[in-house]
C-alpha atoms as a PDB file:
ATOM      1  CA  ILE A   1       1.334 296.525 -12.462  1.00  0.00           C
ATOM      2  CA  ASN A   2       3.886 298.337 -14.608  1.00  0.00           C
ATOM      3  CA  GLU A   3       6.460 295.535 -14.481  1.00  0.00           C
ATOM      4  CA  LYS A   4       6.684 292.524 -16.767  1.00  0.00           C
ATOM      5  CA  GLY A   5       6.255 289.039 -15.403  1.00  0.00           C
ATOM      6  CA  TRP A   6       4.290 287.493 -12.582  1.00  0.00           C
ATOM      7  CA  TYR A   7       4.385 287.310  -8.809  1.00  0.00           C
ATOM      8  CA  LYS A   8       3.408 284.194  -6.827  1.00  0.00           C
ATOM      9  CA  GLN A   9       3.624 282.910  -3.295  1.00  0.00           C
ATOM     10  CA  TYR A  10       4.645 279.297  -2.948  1.00  0.00           C
ATOM     11  CA  GLN A  11       3.839 277.470   0.277  1.00  0.00           C
ATOM     12  CA  TYR A  12       5.652 274.387   1.456  1.00  0.00           C
ATOM     13  CA  ILE A  13       5.323 272.278   4.557  1.00  0.00           C
ATOM     14  CA  LEU A  14       8.458 270.871   6.118  1.00  0.00           C
ATOM     15  CA  LEU A  15       7.792 267.769   8.212  1.00  0.00           C
ATOM     16  CA  LEU A  16      10.589 266.576  10.478  1.00  0.00           C
ATOM     17  CA  LYS A  17      10.282 263.168  12.087  1.00  0.00           C
ATOM     18  CA  SER A  18      12.554 262.695  15.083  1.00  0.00           C
ATOM     19  CA  ASN A  19      12.999 260.757  18.320  1.00  0.00           C
ATOM     20  CA  SER A  20      10.963 262.248  21.144  1.00  0.00           C
ATOM     21  CA  GLU A  21      11.136 259.693  23.934  1.00  0.00           C
ATOM     22  CA  ASP A  22      11.529 262.303  26.652  1.00  0.00           C
ATOM     23  CA  ASP A  23      10.932 265.990  27.279  1.00  0.00           C
ATOM     24  CA  ILE A  24      14.595 266.857  26.616  1.00  0.00           C
ATOM     25  CA  GLN A  25      14.450 265.393  23.103  1.00  0.00           C
ATOM     26  CA  ARG A  26      11.151 267.142  22.380  1.00  0.00           C
ATOM     27  CA  LEU A  27      12.556 270.485  23.542  1.00  0.00           C
ATOM     28  CA  GLU A  28      15.721 269.993  21.477  1.00  0.00           C
ATOM     29  CA  ASN A  29      13.600 269.262  18.397  1.00  0.00           C
ATOM     30  CA  LEU A  30      11.502 272.403  18.929  1.00  0.00           C
ATOM     31  CA  ASP A  31      14.707 274.415  19.515  1.00  0.00           C
ATOM     32  CA  TRP A  32      16.002 273.125  16.172  1.00  0.00           C
ATOM     33  CA  LEU A  33      12.835 274.381  14.459  1.00  0.00           C
ATOM     34  CA  ASP A  34      13.178 277.752  16.215  1.00  0.00           C
ATOM     35  CA  ASP A  35      16.810 277.973  15.072  1.00  0.00           C
ATOM     36  CA  LEU A  36      15.761 277.161  11.501  1.00  0.00           C
ATOM     37  CA  SER A  37      13.069 279.857  11.666  1.00  0.00           C
ATOM     38  CA  ASP A  38      15.657 282.362  12.926  1.00  0.00           C
ATOM     39  CA  TRP A  39      18.083 281.364  10.156  1.00  0.00           C
ATOM     40  CA  ILE A  40      15.385 281.857   7.501  1.00  0.00           C
ATOM     41  CA  HIS A  41      14.528 285.237   9.024  1.00  0.00           C
ATOM     42  CA  GLN A  42      18.200 286.299   8.877  1.00  0.00           C
ATOM     43  CA  LYS A  43      18.475 285.174   5.239  1.00  0.00           C
ATOM     44  CA  ASN A  44      15.404 287.277   4.481  1.00  0.00           C
ATOM     45  CA  ILE A  45      16.864 290.378   6.168  1.00  0.00           C
ATOM     46  CA  SER A  46      20.124 290.043   4.228  1.00  0.00           C
ATOM     47  CA  ASN A  47      18.330 289.137   0.961  1.00  0.00           C
ATOM     48  CA  ASP A  48      20.525 286.034   0.797  1.00  0.00           C
ATOM     49  CA  TYR A  49      18.261 284.006  -1.465  1.00  0.00           C
ATOM     50  CA  PRO A  50      18.919 281.113  -3.818  1.00  0.00           C
ATOM     51  CA  ILE A  51      19.531 281.996  -7.445  1.00  0.00           C
ATOM     52  CA  LEU A  52      16.778 280.669  -9.686  1.00  0.00           C
ATOM     53  CA  LYS A  53      16.714 280.621 -13.468  1.00  0.00           C
ATOM     54  CA  ASN A  54      14.275 283.256 -14.839  1.00  0.00           C
ATOM     55  CA  LYS A  55      12.866 283.878 -11.343  1.00  0.00           C
ATOM     56  CA  GLN A  56      13.763 286.043  -8.401  1.00  0.00           C
ATOM     57  CA  VAL A  57      13.041 285.356  -4.738  1.00  0.00           C
ATOM     58  CA  LYS A  58      11.558 288.490  -3.179  1.00  0.00           C
ATOM     59  CA  ASN A  59      10.711 287.270   0.333  1.00  0.00           C
ATOM     60  CA  VAL A  60      11.017 284.142   2.457  1.00  0.00           C
ATOM     61  CA  SER A  61       9.174 283.494   5.705  1.00  0.00           C
ATOM     62  CA  CYS A  62       7.980 280.681   7.910  1.00  0.00           C
ATOM     63  CA  ALA A  63       5.262 280.055  10.466  1.00  0.00           C
ATOM     64  CA  ASN A  64       3.725 277.492  12.779  1.00  0.00           C
ATOM     65  CA  ALA A  65       6.727 275.588  14.125  1.00  0.00           C
ATOM     66  CA  ILE A  66       4.743 273.003  16.087  1.00  0.00           C
ATOM     67  CA  THR A  67       4.570 269.362  17.087  1.00  0.00           C
ATOM     68  CA  TYR A  68       2.275 267.963  14.430  1.00  0.00           C
ATOM     69  CA  ASP A  69       1.897 264.350  15.530  1.00  0.00           C
ATOM     70  CA  THR A  70       3.319 261.837  17.993  1.00  0.00           C
ATOM     71  CA  ASN A  71       3.137 258.066  17.668  1.00  0.00           C
ATOM     72  CA  GLU A  72       1.239 256.059  20.281  1.00  0.00           C
ATOM     73  CA  ASP A  73       4.158 255.373  22.600  1.00  0.00           C
ATOM     74  CA  GLY A  74       5.525 258.939  22.279  1.00  0.00           C
ATOM     75  CA  SER A  75       8.920 257.798  20.991  1.00  0.00           C
ATOM     76  CA  ILE A  76       8.690 259.509  17.577  1.00  0.00           C
ATOM     77  CA  SER A  77       7.188 262.920  16.877  1.00  0.00           C
ATOM     78  CA  THR A  78       6.571 264.721  13.643  1.00  0.00           C
ATOM     79  CA  TYR A  79       7.247 268.468  13.676  1.00  0.00           C
ATOM     80  CA  TYR A  80       5.673 270.902  11.236  1.00  0.00           C
ATOM     81  CA  LEU A  81       6.917 274.160   9.742  1.00  0.00           C
ATOM     82  CA  GLN A  82       5.220 276.206   7.010  1.00  0.00           C
ATOM     83  CA  LEU A  83       7.549 277.908   4.539  1.00  0.00           C
ATOM     84  CA  TYR A  84       6.511 280.757   2.238  1.00  0.00           C
ATOM     85  CA  PHE A  85       8.442 281.929  -0.814  1.00  0.00           C
ATOM     86  CA  ASP A  86       7.398 285.035  -2.743  1.00  0.00           C
ATOM     87  CA  ILE A  87       8.746 284.635  -6.263  1.00  0.00           C
ATOM     88  CA  LYS A  88       8.797 287.045  -9.167  1.00  0.00           C
ATOM     89  CA  GLY A  89       9.043 285.325 -12.525  1.00  0.00           C
ATOM     90  CA  GLY A  90       9.051 286.005 -16.197  1.00  0.00           C
ATOM     91  CA  ILE A  91      11.983 288.373 -15.901  1.00  0.00           C
END
């Protein structure tokens, strides 16, 4: 309340479309999403955020790493990850 500027949370959805013809490919794709989630978590712990003009990243998180959709024959799946960025601006 005592600081100048504004504070917003931005939400993004990352959709990854990848081959998923067998269980091994599906598990590898979900492992990739888990690894990305872990990487984002580590960046948040170390405050290793991108530099933005007139804005400051305060927190980054992600949720819901899931299989979002699979085509009829199961050969291509779309994976879903929600990303949250807490940004302070007007500084």
